[in-house]
Amino acid sequence: MHRFSCQQILPVKIEEAWEFFSSPANLPLLTPPAFSLVPLTEMHDQLYEGMFITYRVKPLAGIPMTWVTEITHLKQHRYFVDEQRLGPYSIWHHQHHFKAVPGGVEMTDILDYRVPLGPLGILLQKIIVGKKVEGIFEYRRKRLIELFGGGK
């Protein structure tokens, strides 16, 4: 298992941050273009527990894959969790936390994941996957600054 976590403060009210992040339609705005993320299911306005979302994504070498996530936990304005049900990882458990702070909202992501393929997966994690995961969140950090301002 591998863990990646990051925090970012956006200069918006928690309600605005929640509205943006709890809309599955906004995920393509925060995903690097090289991943070619395309929703395959109807996009609802808001997440709910038990919701399945299906995407087409090209996470490695431009090879298209189907990615299915389920929203397994949700507490409005506080957190939600998406877990991969089908896709490139053997485990993907992504927690999104939101907390009102002076000047805005602090967002914390905690991602626990496992790369498949045993020893080959361990090697891929070290040379490719870990960097790609970091790159996804760095891209998202920059896009959120463009969309909402701030810089932390």
N, C-alpha and C. Protein backbone atom coordinates (compact mmCIF):
# COMPACT_ATOMS: atom_id res chain seq x y z
N MET A 1 0.84 -1.19 0.00
CA MET A 1 0.00 0.00 0.00
C MET A 1 0.88 1.24 0.00
N HIS A 2 0.37 2.26 -0.63
CA HIS A 2 1.07 3.54 -0.68
C HIS A 2 0.09 4.61 -0.23
N ARG A 3 0.63 5.65 0.39
CA ARG A 3 -0.21 6.77 0.83
C ARG A 3 0.34 8.06 0.26
N PHE A 4 -0.56 8.87 -0.26
CA PHE A 4 -0.22 10.21 -0.69
C PHE A 4 -1.22 11.14 -0.01
N SER A 5 -0.72 12.24 0.53
CA SER A 5 -1.64 13.22 1.11
C SER A 5 -1.16 14.62 0.78
N CYS A 6 -2.11 15.55 0.73
CA CYS A 6 -1.78 16.94 0.47
C CYS A 6 -2.89 17.82 1.03
N GLN A 7 -2.53 19.08 1.23
CA GLN A 7 -3.50 20.07 1.71
C GLN A 7 -3.39 21.31 0.85
N GLN A 8 -4.51 22.02 0.77
CA GLN A 8 -4.55 23.27 0.03
C GLN A 8 -5.63 24.14 0.64
N ILE A 9 -5.35 25.43 0.75
CA ILE A 9 -6.34 26.36 1.25
C ILE A 9 -6.84 27.20 0.08
N LEU A 10 -8.16 27.23 -0.07
CA LEU A 10 -8.79 28.06 -1.10
C LEU A 10 -9.51 29.21 -0.43
N PRO A 11 -9.43 30.41 -1.01
CA PRO A 11 -10.08 31.58 -0.41
C PRO A 11 -11.56 31.68 -0.74
N VAL A 12 -12.30 30.63 -0.40
CA VAL A 12 -13.74 30.58 -0.65
C VAL A 12 -14.44 30.04 0.59
N LYS A 13 -15.74 30.21 0.63
CA LYS A 13 -16.52 29.63 1.72
C LYS A 13 -16.64 28.13 1.52
N ILE A 14 -16.82 27.43 2.61
CA ILE A 14 -16.89 25.97 2.54
C ILE A 14 -18.04 25.51 1.65
N GLU A 15 -19.14 26.27 1.61
CA GLU A 15 -20.27 25.89 0.77
C GLU A 15 -19.89 25.93 -0.71
N GLU A 16 -19.10 26.93 -1.10
CA GLU A 16 -18.67 27.03 -2.50
C GLU A 16 -17.71 25.89 -2.86
N ALA A 17 -16.78 25.62 -1.97
CA ALA A 17 -15.84 24.51 -2.22
C ALA A 17 -16.60 23.19 -2.32
N TRP A 18 -17.53 22.97 -1.39
CA TRP A 18 -18.30 21.73 -1.40
C TRP A 18 -19.10 21.60 -2.69
N GLU A 19 -19.75 22.67 -3.10
CA GLU A 19 -20.55 22.62 -4.32
C GLU A 19 -19.70 22.22 -5.52
N PHE A 20 -18.49 22.78 -5.61
CA PHE A 20 -17.60 22.47 -6.73
C PHE A 20 -17.12 21.03 -6.67
N PHE A 21 -16.58 20.62 -5.52
CA PHE A 21 -15.97 19.29 -5.43
C PHE A 21 -16.98 18.16 -5.39
N SER A 22 -18.18 18.43 -4.95
CA SER A 22 -19.17 17.35 -4.88
C SER A 22 -19.96 17.21 -6.18
N SER A 23 -19.53 17.92 -7.21
CA SER A 23 -20.13 17.74 -8.53
C SER A 23 -19.19 16.90 -9.39
N PRO A 24 -19.57 15.67 -9.71
CA PRO A 24 -18.69 14.81 -10.51
C PRO A 24 -18.32 15.42 -11.87
N ALA A 25 -19.16 16.31 -12.37
CA ALA A 25 -18.89 16.93 -13.67
C ALA A 25 -17.63 17.79 -13.64
N ASN A 26 -17.16 18.18 -12.47
CA ASN A 26 -15.98 19.03 -12.37
C ASN A 26 -14.66 18.26 -12.36
N LEU A 27 -14.71 16.95 -12.19
CA LEU A 27 -13.46 16.18 -12.13
C LEU A 27 -12.60 16.34 -13.39
N PRO A 28 -13.17 16.32 -14.59
CA PRO A 28 -12.31 16.52 -15.77
C PRO A 28 -11.57 17.87 -15.76
N LEU A 29 -12.13 18.88 -15.10
CA LEU A 29 -11.45 20.19 -15.01
C LEU A 29 -10.17 20.12 -14.18
N LEU A 30 -10.09 19.12 -13.31
CA LEU A 30 -8.97 19.01 -12.37
C LEU A 30 -8.01 17.87 -12.71
N THR A 31 -8.23 17.24 -13.85
CA THR A 31 -7.41 16.09 -14.25
C THR A 31 -6.50 16.50 -15.41
N PRO A 32 -5.22 16.17 -15.33
CA PRO A 32 -4.31 16.53 -16.43
C PRO A 32 -4.85 16.06 -17.78
N PRO A 33 -4.76 16.92 -18.81
CA PRO A 33 -5.30 16.56 -20.14
C PRO A 33 -4.73 15.26 -20.69
N ALA A 34 -3.50 14.92 -20.36
CA ALA A 34 -2.88 13.70 -20.88
C ALA A 34 -3.64 12.44 -20.47
N PHE A 35 -4.43 12.52 -19.40
CA PHE A 35 -5.20 11.37 -18.93
C PHE A 35 -6.48 11.17 -19.73
N SER A 36 -6.87 12.16 -20.52
CA SER A 36 -8.06 12.07 -21.39
C SER A 36 -9.28 11.54 -20.63
N LEU A 37 -9.55 12.08 -19.47
CA LEU A 37 -10.68 11.63 -18.65
C LEU A 37 -12.00 12.04 -19.28
N VAL A 38 -12.84 11.04 -19.56
CA VAL A 38 -14.14 11.29 -20.18
C VAL A 38 -15.20 10.55 -19.37
N PRO A 39 -16.18 11.28 -18.82
CA PRO A 39 -17.27 10.60 -18.11
C PRO A 39 -18.09 9.75 -19.08
N LEU A 40 -18.45 8.55 -18.64
CA LEU A 40 -19.26 7.65 -19.46
C LEU A 40 -20.66 7.49 -18.91
N THR A 41 -20.89 7.96 -17.70
CA THR A 41 -22.22 7.88 -17.11
C THR A 41 -22.81 9.28 -17.00
N GLU A 42 -24.11 9.32 -16.84
CA GLU A 42 -24.77 10.61 -16.65
C GLU A 42 -24.23 11.26 -15.39
N MET A 43 -23.88 12.53 -15.51
CA MET A 43 -23.32 13.25 -14.38
C MET A 43 -24.43 13.92 -13.58
N HIS A 44 -24.57 13.53 -12.34
CA HIS A 44 -25.53 14.17 -11.44
C HIS A 44 -24.91 15.45 -10.89
N ASP A 45 -25.74 16.33 -10.39
CA ASP A 45 -25.25 17.60 -9.85
C ASP A 45 -24.45 17.42 -8.57
N GLN A 46 -24.82 16.45 -7.75
CA GLN A 46 -24.17 16.27 -6.46
C GLN A 46 -23.90 14.79 -6.21
N LEU A 47 -22.84 14.54 -5.44
CA LEU A 47 -22.52 13.18 -5.03
C LEU A 47 -23.51 12.70 -3.99
N TYR A 48 -23.62 11.38 -3.89
CA TYR A 48 -24.38 10.77 -2.81
C TYR A 48 -23.76 9.41 -2.51
N GLU A 49 -23.92 8.94 -1.29
CA GLU A 49 -23.38 7.63 -0.93
C GLU A 49 -24.00 6.56 -1.80
N GLY A 50 -23.17 5.66 -2.28
CA GLY A 50 -23.63 4.59 -3.15
C GLY A 50 -23.59 4.93 -4.63
N MET A 51 -23.24 6.17 -4.96
CA MET A 51 -23.18 6.60 -6.35
C MET A 51 -21.99 5.93 -7.05
N PHE A 52 -22.23 5.40 -8.24
CA PHE A 52 -21.16 4.87 -9.09
C PHE A 52 -20.94 5.85 -10.23
N ILE A 53 -19.67 6.09 -10.54
CA ILE A 53 -19.31 6.99 -11.63
C ILE A 53 -18.33 6.24 -12.52
N THR A 54 -18.60 6.23 -13.82
CA THR A 54 -17.75 5.52 -14.77
C THR A 54 -17.09 6.52 -15.71
N TYR A 55 -15.79 6.35 -15.90
CA TYR A 55 -15.01 7.22 -16.78
C TYR A 55 -14.19 6.35 -17.73
N ARG A 56 -13.79 6.94 -18.84
CA ARG A 56 -12.75 6.38 -19.69
C ARG A 56 -11.52 7.23 -19.39
N VAL A 57 -10.39 6.60 -19.15
CA VAL A 57 -9.17 7.31 -18.78
C VAL A 57 -7.97 6.62 -19.42
N LYS A 58 -6.92 7.40 -19.67
CA LYS A 58 -5.68 6.86 -20.22
C LYS A 58 -4.55 7.15 -19.23
N PRO A 59 -4.43 6.33 -18.18
CA PRO A 59 -3.48 6.63 -17.12
C PRO A 59 -2.02 6.32 -17.44
N LEU A 60 -1.78 5.43 -18.39
CA LEU A 60 -0.41 5.00 -18.66
C LEU A 60 -0.23 4.72 -20.14
N ALA A 61 0.72 5.40 -20.75
CA ALA A 61 1.11 5.18 -22.14
C ALA A 61 -0.06 5.33 -23.12
N GLY A 62 -1.05 6.15 -22.77
CA GLY A 62 -2.17 6.39 -23.68
C GLY A 62 -3.10 5.22 -23.87
N ILE A 63 -2.98 4.21 -23.01
CA ILE A 63 -3.84 3.02 -23.12
C ILE A 63 -5.17 3.31 -22.44
N PRO A 64 -6.29 3.24 -23.18
CA PRO A 64 -7.58 3.54 -22.56
C PRO A 64 -8.04 2.45 -21.61
N MET A 65 -8.62 2.90 -20.50
CA MET A 65 -9.15 1.98 -19.50
C MET A 65 -10.48 2.53 -19.00
N THR A 66 -11.30 1.64 -18.48
CA THR A 66 -12.53 2.05 -17.80
C THR A 66 -12.20 2.19 -16.32
N TRP A 67 -12.66 3.29 -15.73
CA TRP A 67 -12.44 3.53 -14.31
C TRP A 67 -13.83 3.71 -13.68
N VAL A 68 -14.15 2.87 -12.72
CA VAL A 68 -15.42 2.97 -12.01
C VAL A 68 -15.13 3.25 -10.55
N THR A 69 -15.72 4.33 -10.03
CA THR A 69 -15.58 4.65 -8.62
C THR A 69 -16.95 4.65 -7.96
N GLU A 70 -16.94 4.37 -6.66
CA GLU A 70 -18.14 4.43 -5.85
C GLU A 70 -17.91 5.44 -4.73
N ILE A 71 -18.90 6.28 -4.48
CA ILE A 71 -18.85 7.18 -3.34
C ILE A 71 -19.34 6.36 -2.14
N THR A 72 -18.42 6.04 -1.24
CA THR A 72 -18.75 5.13 -0.15
C THR A 72 -19.12 5.84 1.15
N HIS A 73 -18.63 7.04 1.35
CA HIS A 73 -18.92 7.80 2.57
C HIS A 73 -19.07 9.27 2.19
N LEU A 74 -19.98 9.95 2.87
CA LEU A 74 -20.19 11.37 2.56
C LEU A 74 -20.86 12.04 3.76
N LYS A 75 -20.31 13.15 4.17
CA LYS A 75 -20.94 14.02 5.15
C LYS A 75 -20.83 15.44 4.60
N GLN A 76 -21.97 16.01 4.25
CA GLN A 76 -22.00 17.29 3.55
C GLN A 76 -21.15 18.35 4.26
N HIS A 77 -20.37 19.06 3.45
CA HIS A 77 -19.46 20.13 3.88
C HIS A 77 -18.31 19.63 4.75
N ARG A 78 -18.16 18.32 4.90
CA ARG A 78 -17.07 17.79 5.74
C ARG A 78 -16.13 16.87 4.95
N TYR A 79 -16.69 15.84 4.31
CA TYR A 79 -15.82 14.89 3.61
C TYR A 79 -16.65 14.00 2.68
N PHE A 80 -15.93 13.39 1.74
CA PHE A 80 -16.47 12.27 0.99
C PHE A 80 -15.33 11.36 0.61
N VAL A 81 -15.66 10.09 0.34
CA VAL A 81 -14.66 9.08 -0.01
C VAL A 81 -15.07 8.43 -1.31
N ASP A 82 -14.11 8.36 -2.24
CA ASP A 82 -14.36 7.57 -3.45
C ASP A 82 -13.42 6.38 -3.46
N GLU A 83 -13.97 5.24 -3.84
CA GLU A 83 -13.20 4.00 -3.92
C GLU A 83 -13.35 3.42 -5.32
N GLN A 84 -12.21 3.03 -5.89
CA GLN A 84 -12.25 2.41 -7.21
C GLN A 84 -12.88 1.03 -7.11
N ARG A 85 -13.78 0.75 -8.03
CA ARG A 85 -14.38 -0.58 -8.14
C ARG A 85 -13.84 -1.33 -9.35
N LEU A 86 -13.41 -0.58 -10.38
CA LEU A 86 -12.80 -1.16 -11.57
C LEU A 86 -11.84 -0.13 -12.11
N GLY A 87 -10.62 -0.55 -12.42
CA GLY A 87 -9.66 0.39 -12.96
C GLY A 87 -8.23 -0.09 -12.83
N PRO A 88 -7.30 0.84 -12.96
CA PRO A 88 -5.88 0.47 -13.04
C PRO A 88 -5.23 0.08 -11.72
N TYR A 89 -5.85 0.35 -10.59
CA TYR A 89 -5.25 0.04 -9.29
C TYR A 89 -5.92 -1.18 -8.68
N SER A 90 -5.18 -1.90 -7.85
CA SER A 90 -5.84 -3.00 -7.14
C SER A 90 -6.60 -2.43 -5.94
N ILE A 91 -6.14 -1.31 -5.39
CA ILE A 91 -6.87 -0.58 -4.34
C ILE A 91 -6.72 0.91 -4.60
N TRP A 92 -7.81 1.63 -4.46
CA TRP A 92 -7.82 3.10 -4.55
C TRP A 92 -8.87 3.59 -3.57
N HIS A 93 -8.43 4.25 -2.52
CA HIS A 93 -9.32 4.76 -1.48
C HIS A 93 -8.93 6.22 -1.27
N HIS A 94 -9.77 7.14 -1.72
CA HIS A 94 -9.43 8.57 -1.74
C HIS A 94 -10.39 9.35 -0.85
N GLN A 95 -9.84 9.90 0.22
CA GLN A 95 -10.62 10.72 1.15
C GLN A 95 -10.43 12.19 0.78
N HIS A 96 -11.54 12.93 0.74
CA HIS A 96 -11.55 14.36 0.48
C HIS A 96 -12.13 15.03 1.73
N HIS A 97 -11.33 15.83 2.44
CA HIS A 97 -11.80 16.49 3.66
C HIS A 97 -11.83 18.00 3.45
N PHE A 98 -12.83 18.65 4.05
CA PHE A 98 -13.01 20.09 3.94
C PHE A 98 -13.19 20.67 5.34
N LYS A 99 -12.49 21.77 5.61
CA LYS A 99 -12.59 22.40 6.92
C LYS A 99 -12.53 23.91 6.76
N ALA A 100 -13.52 24.60 7.32
CA ALA A 100 -13.50 26.06 7.28
C ALA A 100 -12.35 26.56 8.15
N VAL A 101 -11.57 27.47 7.61
CA VAL A 101 -10.45 28.08 8.33
C VAL A 101 -10.51 29.58 8.07
N PRO A 102 -9.82 30.37 8.88
CA PRO A 102 -9.81 31.81 8.59
C PRO A 102 -9.32 32.07 7.17
N GLY A 103 -10.10 32.80 6.41
CA GLY A 103 -9.73 33.14 5.05
C GLY A 103 -10.15 32.14 4.00
N GLY A 104 -10.85 31.08 4.38
CA GLY A 104 -11.27 30.15 3.35
C GLY A 104 -11.58 28.75 3.85
N VAL A 105 -11.20 27.79 3.03
CA VAL A 105 -11.44 26.38 3.36
C VAL A 105 -10.15 25.60 3.12
N GLU A 106 -9.83 24.75 4.08
CA GLU A 106 -8.68 23.87 3.95
C GLU A 106 -9.17 22.53 3.43
N MET A 107 -8.58 22.11 2.34
CA MET A 107 -8.91 20.82 1.75
C MET A 107 -7.75 19.88 1.99
N THR A 108 -8.06 18.70 2.45
CA THR A 108 -7.05 17.67 2.67
C THR A 108 -7.45 16.44 1.88
N ASP A 109 -6.51 15.93 1.12
CA ASP A 109 -6.70 14.68 0.39
C ASP A 109 -5.81 13.63 1.02
N ILE A 110 -6.38 12.46 1.25
CA ILE A 110 -5.61 11.31 1.71
C ILE A 110 -5.94 10.17 0.76
N LEU A 111 -4.93 9.73 0.06
CA LEU A 111 -5.11 8.67 -0.94
C LEU A 111 -4.28 7.46 -0.53
N ASP A 112 -4.96 6.35 -0.34
CA ASP A 112 -4.28 5.06 -0.12
C ASP A 112 -4.54 4.23 -1.36
N TYR A 113 -3.46 3.69 -1.93
CA TYR A 113 -3.61 2.93 -3.17
C TYR A 113 -2.58 1.82 -3.24
N ARG A 114 -2.87 0.88 -4.12
CA ARG A 114 -1.96 -0.23 -4.37
C ARG A 114 -1.92 -0.49 -5.86
N VAL A 115 -0.73 -0.62 -6.36
CA VAL A 115 -0.52 -0.92 -7.78
C VAL A 115 -0.56 -2.45 -7.94
N PRO A 116 -1.28 -2.96 -8.95
CA PRO A 116 -1.33 -4.41 -9.15
C PRO A 116 -0.01 -4.95 -9.72
N LEU A 117 0.04 -6.21 -9.97
CA LEU A 117 1.12 -6.91 -10.68
C LEU A 117 2.29 -7.32 -9.78
N GLY A 118 2.07 -7.40 -8.48
CA GLY A 118 3.09 -7.92 -7.58
C GLY A 118 4.41 -7.18 -7.67
N PRO A 119 5.54 -7.92 -7.84
CA PRO A 119 6.86 -7.27 -7.89
C PRO A 119 6.99 -6.26 -9.04
N LEU A 120 6.34 -6.52 -10.16
CA LEU A 120 6.37 -5.57 -11.27
C LEU A 120 5.64 -4.29 -10.86
N GLY A 121 4.54 -4.43 -10.15
CA GLY A 121 3.81 -3.27 -9.66
C GLY A 121 4.63 -2.43 -8.70
N ILE A 122 5.42 -3.09 -7.85
CA ILE A 122 6.30 -2.37 -6.93
C ILE A 122 7.31 -1.54 -7.71
N LEU A 123 7.87 -2.13 -8.75
CA LEU A 123 8.82 -1.41 -9.60
C LEU A 123 8.13 -0.26 -10.33
N LEU A 124 6.94 -0.51 -10.88
CA LEU A 124 6.20 0.54 -11.57
C LEU A 124 5.86 1.70 -10.63
N GLN A 125 5.51 1.38 -9.38
CA GLN A 125 5.23 2.42 -8.39
C GLN A 125 6.45 3.31 -8.20
N LYS A 126 7.61 2.70 -8.09
CA LYS A 126 8.84 3.46 -7.83
C LYS A 126 9.26 4.33 -9.01
N ILE A 127 9.09 3.83 -10.22
CA ILE A 127 9.63 4.59 -11.35
C ILE A 127 8.59 5.40 -12.13
N ILE A 128 7.30 5.04 -12.01
CA ILE A 128 6.28 5.73 -12.82
C ILE A 128 5.08 6.18 -12.00
N VAL A 129 4.40 5.26 -11.36
CA VAL A 129 3.08 5.52 -10.78
C VAL A 129 3.13 6.57 -9.67
N GLY A 130 4.10 6.45 -8.77
CA GLY A 130 4.19 7.43 -7.68
C GLY A 130 4.34 8.85 -8.21
N LYS A 131 5.15 9.02 -9.24
CA LYS A 131 5.34 10.34 -9.85
C LYS A 131 4.06 10.81 -10.55
N LYS A 132 3.35 9.88 -11.18
CA LYS A 132 2.09 10.26 -11.84
C LYS A 132 1.05 10.71 -10.82
N VAL A 133 0.96 10.00 -9.70
CA VAL A 133 0.02 10.39 -8.64
C VAL A 133 0.36 11.80 -8.14
N GLU A 134 1.63 12.04 -7.85
CA GLU A 134 2.05 13.37 -7.42
C GLU A 134 1.72 14.42 -8.48
N GLY A 135 1.95 14.09 -9.74
CA GLY A 135 1.68 15.01 -10.84
C GLY A 135 0.20 15.35 -10.97
N ILE A 136 -0.67 14.37 -10.73
CA ILE A 136 -2.11 14.62 -10.79
C ILE A 136 -2.50 15.67 -9.76
N PHE A 137 -2.00 15.52 -8.54
CA PHE A 137 -2.38 16.44 -7.48
C PHE A 137 -1.70 17.80 -7.63
N GLU A 138 -0.52 17.83 -8.21
CA GLU A 138 0.13 19.12 -8.48
C GLU A 138 -0.63 19.88 -9.56
N TYR A 139 -1.06 19.16 -10.58
CA TYR A 139 -1.88 19.79 -11.63
C TYR A 139 -3.16 20.34 -11.02
N ARG A 140 -3.80 19.54 -10.19
CA ARG A 140 -5.04 19.97 -9.55
C ARG A 140 -4.81 21.21 -8.68
N ARG A 141 -3.72 21.24 -7.92
CA ARG A 141 -3.40 22.39 -7.08
C ARG A 141 -3.32 23.67 -7.92
N LYS A 142 -2.61 23.59 -9.04
CA LYS A 142 -2.45 24.75 -9.92
C LYS A 142 -3.78 25.17 -10.54
N ARG A 143 -4.58 24.20 -10.97
CA ARG A 143 -5.89 24.51 -11.57
C ARG A 143 -6.82 25.18 -10.55
N LEU A 144 -6.77 24.72 -9.31
CA LEU A 144 -7.62 25.32 -8.28
C LEU A 144 -7.20 26.75 -7.99
N ILE A 145 -5.92 27.04 -8.04
CA ILE A 145 -5.47 28.42 -7.87
C ILE A 145 -5.99 29.27 -9.03
N GLU A 146 -5.94 28.73 -10.25
CA GLU A 146 -6.47 29.45 -11.40
C GLU A 146 -7.98 29.71 -11.27
N LEU A 147 -8.70 28.72 -10.76
CA LEU A 147 -10.15 28.82 -10.67
C LEU A 147 -10.63 29.67 -9.49
N PHE A 148 -9.93 29.55 -8.35
CA PHE A 148 -10.42 30.17 -7.13
C PHE A 148 -9.48 31.20 -6.51
N GLY A 149 -8.26 31.27 -7.00
CA GLY A 149 -7.28 32.17 -6.40
C GLY A 149 -6.56 31.48 -5.24
N GLY A 150 -5.79 32.26 -4.51
CA GLY A 150 -5.01 31.71 -3.41
C GLY A 150 -3.69 31.21 -3.91
N GLY A 151 -2.97 30.56 -3.06
CA GLY A 151 -1.67 30.06 -3.47
C GLY A 151 -1.05 29.08 -2.50
N LYS A 152 -1.80 28.66 -1.51
CA LYS A 152 -1.25 27.72 -0.53
C LYS A 152 -1.64 26.31 -0.87
